[in-house]
Protein backbone atom coordinates (compact mmCIF):
# COMPACT_ATOMS: atom_id res chain seq x y z
CA MET A 1 0.00 0.00 0.00
CA SER A 2 1.42 3.36 -1.03
CA PHE A 3 2.19 6.12 1.43
CA TYR A 4 -0.51 8.42 0.06
CA ARG A 5 -3.15 5.72 0.25
CA LYS A 6 -2.29 5.03 3.91
CA ALA A 7 -2.45 8.75 4.63
CA ASN A 8 -5.91 9.03 3.02
CA ILE A 9 -7.23 6.12 5.12
CA ARG A 10 -5.95 7.76 8.30
CA ILE A 11 -7.54 11.08 7.40
CA ILE A 12 -10.90 9.41 6.71
CA ALA A 13 -10.74 7.49 10.02
CA PHE A 14 -9.89 10.68 11.93
CA CYS A 15 -12.83 12.51 10.36
CA LEU A 16 -15.20 9.67 11.30
CA LEU A 17 -13.92 9.76 14.89
CA ILE A 18 -14.49 13.52 15.14
CA ALA A 19 -18.00 13.11 13.77
CA CYS A 20 -18.85 10.41 16.34
CA VAL A 21 -17.50 12.41 19.29
CA SER A 22 -19.13 15.72 18.34
CA ALA A 23 -22.56 14.28 17.50
CA PRO A 24 -23.91 14.15 21.10
CA ILE A 25 -23.15 17.83 21.79
CA LEU A 26 -24.48 19.43 18.61
CA PRO A 27 -27.83 21.15 19.16
CA LEU A 28 -29.21 20.10 15.81
CA THR A 29 -28.76 17.18 13.42
CA GLY A 30 -30.26 16.57 10.01
CA SER A 31 -30.30 14.79 6.71
CA ALA A 32 -30.47 16.30 3.25
CA SER A 33 -31.60 15.52 -0.27
CA ALA A 34 -31.67 17.56 -3.45
CA ASP A 35 -35.07 19.10 -2.61
CA SER A 36 -35.08 19.30 1.25
CA VAL A 37 -33.04 19.13 4.40
CA THR A 38 -34.31 17.86 7.78
CA ALA A 39 -33.05 19.05 11.16
CA MET A 40 -33.77 18.13 14.82
CA PHE A 41 -32.94 20.00 18.01
CA ARG A 42 -31.19 18.07 20.81
CA ILE A 43 -32.32 19.40 24.22
CA GLU A 44 -31.03 18.51 27.69
CA GLN A 45 -33.07 18.91 30.88
CA ILE A 46 -31.44 18.69 34.35
CA PHE A 47 -34.03 18.21 37.10
CA THR A 48 -33.33 18.73 40.82
CA LYS A 49 -35.90 17.74 43.46
CA ASN A 50 -35.59 19.48 46.83
CA SER A 51 -38.25 17.45 48.58
CA SER A 52 -38.98 13.93 49.74
CA VAL A 53 -42.34 13.68 47.97
CA SER A 54 -42.37 10.82 45.49
CA ASP A 55 -44.83 12.29 42.98
CA ALA A 56 -42.64 15.22 41.95
CA ASP A 57 -42.01 13.74 38.49
CA GLY A 58 -40.26 16.75 36.99
CA VAL A 59 -42.42 17.22 33.87
CA PHE A 60 -41.77 20.63 32.31
CA PHE A 61 -43.36 22.23 29.25
CA TYR A 62 -41.40 23.85 26.43
CA THR A 63 -42.34 26.10 23.55
CA LEU A 64 -40.54 26.59 20.21
CA ILE A 65 -41.67 29.83 18.53
CA ALA A 66 -41.05 30.90 14.93
CA LEU A 67 -39.76 34.49 14.93
CA ASP A 68 -40.60 34.98 11.25
CA ASP A 69 -43.87 34.27 9.45
CA GLY A 70 -43.80 31.23 7.24
CA ASN A 71 -40.89 29.50 8.99
CA PRO A 72 -41.02 25.71 8.68
CA MET A 73 -42.12 24.08 11.97
CA PRO A 74 -42.23 20.55 13.44
CA GLU A 75 -45.35 18.49 12.76
CA GLY A 76 -48.14 19.34 15.22
CA SER A 77 -47.31 23.04 15.47
CA ILE A 78 -50.11 25.60 15.68
CA ARG A 79 -49.67 29.14 14.30
CA GLY A 80 -45.91 29.08 14.52
CA ARG A 81 -45.79 27.54 18.00
CA TYR A 82 -44.66 24.02 18.85
CA ALA A 83 -45.14 22.64 22.40
CA PHE A 84 -43.58 19.53 23.96
CA THR A 85 -42.58 18.18 27.39
CA ILE A 86 -39.50 16.66 29.02
CA GLU A 87 -39.64 14.55 32.18
CA GLY A 88 -36.86 14.24 34.73
CA THR A 89 -33.19 14.48 33.84
CA ARG A 90 -32.67 13.41 30.23
CA ILE A 91 -31.74 14.43 26.67
CA ILE A 92 -34.29 14.33 23.86
CA ASN A 93 -34.48 15.10 20.17
CA ALA A 94 -37.41 17.35 19.35
CA ASP A 95 -39.56 16.52 16.33
CA PRO A 96 -37.71 17.35 13.09
CA ILE A 97 -38.10 20.48 10.98
CA THR A 98 -37.96 20.11 7.17
CA PHE A 99 -36.57 22.96 5.07
CA THR A 100 -37.25 23.06 1.31
CA ASN A 101 -35.90 26.49 0.43
CA THR A 102 -32.77 28.41 1.11
CA GLY A 103 -32.94 31.27 3.58
CA ILE A 104 -32.43 32.37 7.17
CA TYR A 105 -34.90 30.98 9.73
CA ARG A 106 -35.06 32.22 13.33
CA TYR A 107 -36.65 30.55 16.38
CA GLU A 108 -36.88 30.95 20.16
CA LEU A 109 -36.90 28.04 22.60
CA SER A 110 -37.81 28.33 26.30
CA THR A 111 -39.68 26.64 29.15
CA ASN A 112 -43.32 27.57 29.66
CA PRO A 113 -43.90 28.54 33.33
CA ASP A 114 -47.65 28.94 32.77
CA PHE A 115 -48.04 25.15 33.03
CA ALA A 116 -45.67 24.67 35.98
CA PRO A 117 -47.45 23.36 39.12
CA THR A 118 -46.81 24.86 42.56
CA GLY A 119 -43.22 24.36 43.64
CA TYR A 120 -41.81 23.85 40.13
CA ILE A 121 -39.13 26.35 39.17
CA CYS A 122 -38.35 26.81 35.49
CA ASP A 123 -35.03 27.87 34.03
CA ASP A 124 -35.62 31.33 32.58
CA GLN A 125 -33.02 30.88 29.84
CA ILE A 126 -34.26 31.74 26.33
CA TYR A 127 -32.32 30.29 23.40
CA THR A 128 -32.34 32.00 20.01
CA ILE A 129 -31.76 29.51 17.17
CA THR A 130 -30.83 30.73 13.70
CA VAL A 131 -30.87 28.21 10.83
CA TYR A 132 -29.00 29.15 7.64
CA VAL A 133 -30.16 27.00 4.69
CA SER A 134 -28.05 27.16 1.51
CA ARG A 135 -27.47 25.15 -1.66
CA PRO A 136 -23.72 25.21 -2.33
CA VAL A 137 -23.94 22.56 -5.06
CA GLU A 138 -27.03 20.38 -5.57
CA ASP A 139 -28.18 19.45 -2.03
CA LEU A 140 -29.52 21.85 0.58
CA LYS A 141 -27.22 22.46 3.55
CA THR A 142 -27.87 23.91 7.04
CA GLU A 143 -25.72 25.88 9.43
CA ILE A 144 -27.03 26.38 12.98
CA ILE A 145 -26.17 29.23 15.37
CA VAL A 146 -27.48 29.01 18.98
CA GLN A 147 -27.33 31.96 21.38
CA LYS A 148 -28.29 32.35 25.04
CA SER A 149 -30.33 35.21 26.47
CA SER A 150 -27.10 37.14 26.96
CA GLY A 151 -26.33 36.87 23.24
CA ARG A 152 -23.41 34.51 23.85
CA LYS A 153 -23.08 31.63 21.40
CA THR A 154 -23.24 28.07 22.72
CA GLY A 155 -22.83 24.59 21.33
CA SER A 156 -25.64 22.98 23.36
CA ILE A 157 -29.17 23.61 24.62
CA SER A 158 -29.62 22.84 28.31
CA PHE A 159 -32.23 23.78 30.94
CA GLU A 160 -31.82 23.38 34.70
CA ASN A 161 -35.24 23.02 36.32
CA SER A 162 -36.11 22.14 39.91
CA TYR A 163 -38.85 21.40 42.39
CA THR A 164 -38.81 23.24 45.72
CA PRO A 165 -42.01 23.52 47.78
CA LEU A 166 -43.09 26.98 48.88
CA ALA A 167 -42.07 28.11 52.36
CA SER A 168 -44.52 27.66 55.21
CA ASP A 169 -46.82 30.57 55.99
CA ARG A 170 -45.65 32.22 59.21
CA ALA A 171 -49.10 33.78 59.61
CA LEU A 172 -50.48 30.26 60.19
CA MET A 173 -47.92 29.40 62.89
CA VAL A 174 -49.45 28.91 66.34
CA ASP A 175 -47.15 30.90 68.65
CA PRO A 176 -47.62 29.73 72.28
CA PRO A 177 -47.49 32.74 74.64
CA VAL A 178 -45.41 32.76 77.81
CA LYS A 179 -47.69 33.58 80.76
CA LYS A 180 -45.97 34.94 83.89
CA THR A 181 -47.64 34.88 87.33
CA VAL A 182 -46.14 36.22 90.58
CA SER A 183 -47.36 35.03 93.98
CA GLY A 184 -46.75 37.23 97.03
CA ASN A 185 -46.80 40.99 97.42
CA PRO A 186 -43.61 42.58 96.06
CA SER A 187 -43.39 46.36 96.53
CA THR A 188 -42.06 46.73 92.97
CA PRO A 189 -42.54 44.35 90.02
CA GLY A 190 -39.63 42.02 89.27
CA THR A 191 -37.95 41.64 85.88
CA PHE A 192 -37.96 38.10 84.46
CA VAL A 193 -36.14 36.70 81.41
CA PHE A 194 -37.25 33.79 79.22
CA ALA A 195 -35.36 31.93 76.48
CA LEU A 196 -36.44 30.13 73.30
CA THR A 197 -33.63 27.70 72.40
CA ALA A 198 -33.40 25.75 69.13
CA GLY A 199 -32.58 22.06 69.31
CA ASN A 200 -30.20 22.74 66.42
CA PRO A 201 -28.62 26.21 66.04
CA SER A 202 -29.33 26.05 62.29
CA ASN A 203 -33.09 25.79 62.86
CA PRO A 204 -35.20 28.71 61.63
CA MET A 205 -35.74 31.26 64.41
CA PRO A 206 -37.71 34.50 64.96
CA GLU A 207 -36.11 37.88 64.36
CA GLY A 208 -33.65 38.99 67.02
CA SER A 209 -32.25 35.51 67.69
CA ILE A 210 -28.54 34.91 68.18
CA ASN A 211 -26.94 31.48 67.66
CA GLY A 212 -30.23 29.64 68.01
CA VAL A 213 -31.43 31.53 71.13
CA LYS A 214 -34.10 34.24 71.46
CA THR A 215 -34.67 35.97 74.81
CA MET A 216 -37.47 38.22 75.98
CA VAL A 217 -38.34 40.10 79.19
CA ILE A 218 -41.59 40.22 81.18
CA VAL A 219 -41.88 42.76 84.01
CA GLY A 220 -44.08 41.52 86.85
CA THR A 221 -47.15 39.53 85.90
CA GLY A 222 -47.87 39.44 82.17
CA GLU A 223 -48.01 37.54 78.87
CA LYS A 224 -45.75 37.72 75.82
CA ASP A 225 -44.61 35.61 72.84
CA PHE A 226 -41.32 35.11 70.99
CA GLY A 227 -42.58 35.69 67.44
CA THR A 228 -42.98 33.48 64.36
CA TRP A 229 -40.80 32.24 61.52
CA GLU A 230 -41.06 30.22 58.30
CA TYR A 231 -39.69 26.87 57.12
CA THR A 232 -38.14 26.25 53.72
CA ARG A 233 -37.33 22.55 54.19
CA GLU A 234 -39.25 19.49 55.28
CA GLY A 235 -38.31 17.83 58.55
CA THR A 236 -38.91 17.73 62.30
CA TYR A 237 -37.64 20.65 64.36
CA TYR A 238 -37.33 20.94 68.17
CA TYR A 239 -37.23 23.97 70.49
CA THR A 240 -37.42 24.56 74.27
CA ILE A 241 -38.80 27.44 76.34
CA SER A 242 -37.36 28.07 79.83
CA GLU A 243 -36.99 30.78 82.45
CA VAL A 244 -33.53 32.26 83.03
CA ASN A 245 -32.51 32.52 86.69
CA THR A 246 -31.17 36.07 87.03
CA GLY A 247 -31.01 36.02 90.85
CA GLU A 248 -33.85 38.47 91.47
CA ALA A 249 -33.92 39.19 95.23
CA ARG A 250 -36.53 37.36 97.39
CA TYR A 251 -37.86 35.34 94.43
CA THR A 252 -37.79 31.62 93.70
CA TYR A 253 -37.80 30.56 90.05
CA ASP A 254 -39.96 28.17 88.05
CA ASP A 255 -37.79 25.46 86.46
CA THR A 256 -40.44 24.13 84.04
CA ILE A 257 -39.18 23.44 80.52
CA TYR A 258 -41.64 23.40 77.60
CA THR A 259 -40.81 21.56 74.37
CA ILE A 260 -41.99 22.63 70.92
CA THR A 261 -42.07 19.97 68.19
CA ASP A 262 -42.65 21.21 64.63
CA VAL A 263 -43.31 18.65 61.88
CA VAL A 264 -43.01 20.19 58.39
CA ARG A 265 -44.38 18.34 55.36
CA ASP A 266 -44.71 19.06 51.65
CA VAL A 267 -48.38 19.16 50.66
CA ASN A 268 -48.89 19.79 46.93
CA GLY A 269 -45.92 22.09 46.63
CA GLN A 270 -46.58 24.02 49.86
CA LEU A 271 -44.82 23.33 53.17
CA GLU A 272 -47.32 22.91 55.97
CA LEU A 273 -46.56 22.93 59.70
CA SER A 274 -47.99 20.78 62.48
CA ARG A 275 -46.95 22.03 65.95
CA THR A 276 -47.13 20.37 69.37
CA VAL A 277 -46.18 22.04 72.70
CA THR A 278 -45.66 19.86 75.79
CA ASN A 279 -44.60 20.43 79.40
CA ASP A 280 -42.23 18.41 81.62
CA ALA A 281 -44.90 15.73 82.04
CA VAL A 282 -45.16 15.41 78.21
CA LYS A 283 -48.67 16.81 78.41
CA GLN A 284 -49.83 18.99 75.54
CA VAL A 285 -50.44 22.65 76.48
CA ARG A 286 -51.48 25.86 74.74
CA THR A 287 -49.60 28.33 76.93
CA CYS A 288 -46.25 28.21 78.73
CA THR A 289 -47.09 29.18 82.31
CA TYR A 290 -44.49 30.19 84.90
CA ILE A 291 -45.08 31.03 88.58
CA ASN A 292 -42.50 32.95 90.60
CA LYS A 293 -42.88 33.10 94.40
CA TYR A 294 -42.03 36.29 96.27
CA ASP A 295 -41.15 36.04 99.99
CA GLU A 296 -40.17 39.28 101.72
CA THR A 297 -38.65 37.36 104.66
CA LEU A 298 -35.98 35.77 102.49
CA GLY A 299 -33.80 38.88 102.81
CA GLU A 300 -34.16 38.92 106.65
CA ARG A 301 -33.22 35.27 107.06
CA TYR A 302 -30.45 35.09 104.50
CA GLY A 303 -29.16 38.64 104.23
CA THR A 304 -30.23 41.41 101.88
CA GLY A 305 -31.18 40.02 98.51
CA ASP A 306 -30.19 36.47 99.52
CA THR A 307 -27.11 36.90 97.30
CA SER A 308 -25.37 33.74 98.39
CA GLY A 309 -28.47 31.62 97.95
CA SER A 310 -29.29 32.96 94.48
CA THR A 311 -25.71 32.62 93.27
CA SER A 312 -25.42 29.07 94.54
CA GLY A 313 -28.76 28.18 93.05
CA SER A 314 -27.97 29.46 89.56
CA THR A 315 -24.51 27.88 89.61
CA SER A 316 -25.50 24.42 90.77
CA GLY A 317 -28.85 24.14 89.04
CA GLY A 318 -28.81 26.71 86.22
CA THR A 319 -32.11 27.83 84.84
CA ASN A 320 -33.81 24.47 85.29
CA GLY A 321 -32.75 23.93 88.89
CA SER A 322 -33.15 27.44 90.19
CA THR A 323 -35.76 26.60 92.85
CA SER A 324 -33.84 23.75 94.46
CA GLY A 325 -30.58 25.62 93.95
CA SER A 326 -31.95 28.65 95.76
CA THR A 327 -33.05 26.48 98.68
CA ASN A 328 -29.70 24.74 98.90
CA GLY A 329 -27.89 28.04 98.50
CA SER A 330 -29.89 29.65 101.30
CA THR A 331 -29.09 26.76 103.64
CA SER A 332 -25.39 26.90 102.91
CA GLY A 333 -25.38 30.69 102.98
CA GLY A 334 -27.84 31.11 105.92
CA VAL A 335 -27.35 31.48 109.67
CA ALA A 336 -26.29 27.87 110.28
CA ALA A 337 -23.41 27.91 107.82
CA ARG A 338 -22.37 31.51 107.28
CA GLY A 339 -18.99 32.76 108.57
CA PRO A 340 -18.44 35.38 111.36
CA LYS A 341 -19.43 38.95 110.66
CA THR A 342 -17.52 42.16 111.50
CA GLY A 343 -16.46 42.11 115.23
CA ASP A 344 -16.43 38.31 115.53
CA ASP A 345 -12.60 38.28 115.75
CA THR A 346 -12.66 40.55 118.84
CA MET A 347 -15.18 38.34 120.60
CA SER A 348 -13.09 35.28 119.85
CA GLU A 349 -10.03 36.88 121.50
CA LEU A 350 -12.08 37.81 124.58
CA TYR A 351 -13.39 34.27 124.93
CA THR A 352 -9.83 32.93 124.68
CA PHE A 353 -8.56 35.38 127.32
CA LEU A 354 -11.34 34.46 129.78
CA LEU A 355 -10.71 30.76 129.21
CA TRP A 356 -7.00 31.04 130.04
CA ALA A 357 -7.72 33.35 132.99
CA GLY A 358 -10.11 30.79 134.43
CA ILE A 359 -7.55 28.05 134.00
CA ALA A 360 -4.93 30.21 135.77
CA VAL A 361 -7.27 30.87 138.73
CA ILE A 362 -8.02 27.18 139.08
CA VAL A 363 -4.33 26.27 139.00
CA GLY A 364 -3.57 29.03 141.54
CA CYS A 365 -6.27 27.72 143.90
CA VAL A 366 -4.93 24.18 143.66
CA VAL A 367 -1.38 25.34 144.39
CA PHE A 368 -2.62 27.45 147.29
CA LEU A 369 -4.51 24.53 148.82
CA ILE A 370 -1.47 22.25 148.51
CA ILE A 371 0.84 24.78 150.18
CA ALA A 372 -1.71 25.56 152.90
CA GLY A 373 -2.20 21.86 153.65
CA LYS A 374 1.54 21.33 153.90
CA ARG A 375 1.99 24.20 156.35
CA LYS A 376 -0.83 22.95 158.52
CA ARG A 377 0.74 19.51 158.75
CA GLU A 378 4.07 21.04 159.72
CA GLU A 379 2.43 23.09 162.47
CA THR A 380 0.65 20.04 163.84
CA GLU A 381 3.85 17.99 163.97
CA GLU A 382 5.69 20.88 165.67
CA ARG A 383 3.10 21.03 168.49
CA ALA A 384 3.30 17.30 168.97
CA TRP A 385 7.06 17.48 169.63
CA GLN A 386 6.57 20.18 172.14
């Protein structure tokens, strides 16, 4: 085999290889004869489902529009418009278009959001397709130019569509109020702090929250709520409501913890919330009630403001154990266990002095009696000798 013949075979093989590799990425393919040329558009759809619902099939509608009157269209077109659908993630070839005359033919291809159900999000890309039909020799020939909405040319037609259910409606969220009751007769109303804490810091929270915690203040007896929020994902979310022990003087704190359980589901493209609020006994409630007890004698028994008792209570028990902690703190910081006050050192020295003085007197008396007894014996013996 001659050198030139081998070279021709290699060139032909290389051309066939290029044709096979480039075929999947070309937006249009076709076949030609002396009187007509047929072309098809290759379209890719990428579908992303952001939900656990099984019936989100990802069917999207597309429309091919002729930009010039009299443009050839695929079979089934009506008044220069051709509609079709693509399901899921896949690549399809649209119905072919047959050209019988030379010329320039322009089209637009885009998704049709008018037929998209709730939760379906369509790619807003609009492709402009220009088909140049010529007859260089005997057969008709096509050249295709595809441009994106930006005007940039591209070698493929691709749409990225998705399904994401609409966020829950915060107006429909049942927000349990915190109800504060004070027993006793304080001269001035106390200031009490409450905390809404997310089970996971990434959970949605009301405005004003920091790192998954929202606090609010109630002065004296009253009622208040934390606010509402919305969900953008399905799932089960947990929160707790508790009272913060701030060491308010002469008060004991309520250590009840309420748990909020939010179950969020996708219902026909809309996230819907089902909320349950329970107390420590896992009993469902509608309000989070807290009772603080005021006792004006606490300051008299344990010192002004019962500082030691409140500090010990909040350290050992935190918010949840404030009542027991305050009791334990008052016992350890009360009369039975507190240290000497100012002047106690002087009294201790006086007691020590009196103790040693008493001991000295007793010792002196004993010595005196011994000496006196000895002298008396000596006198008695001296008289006997006389």
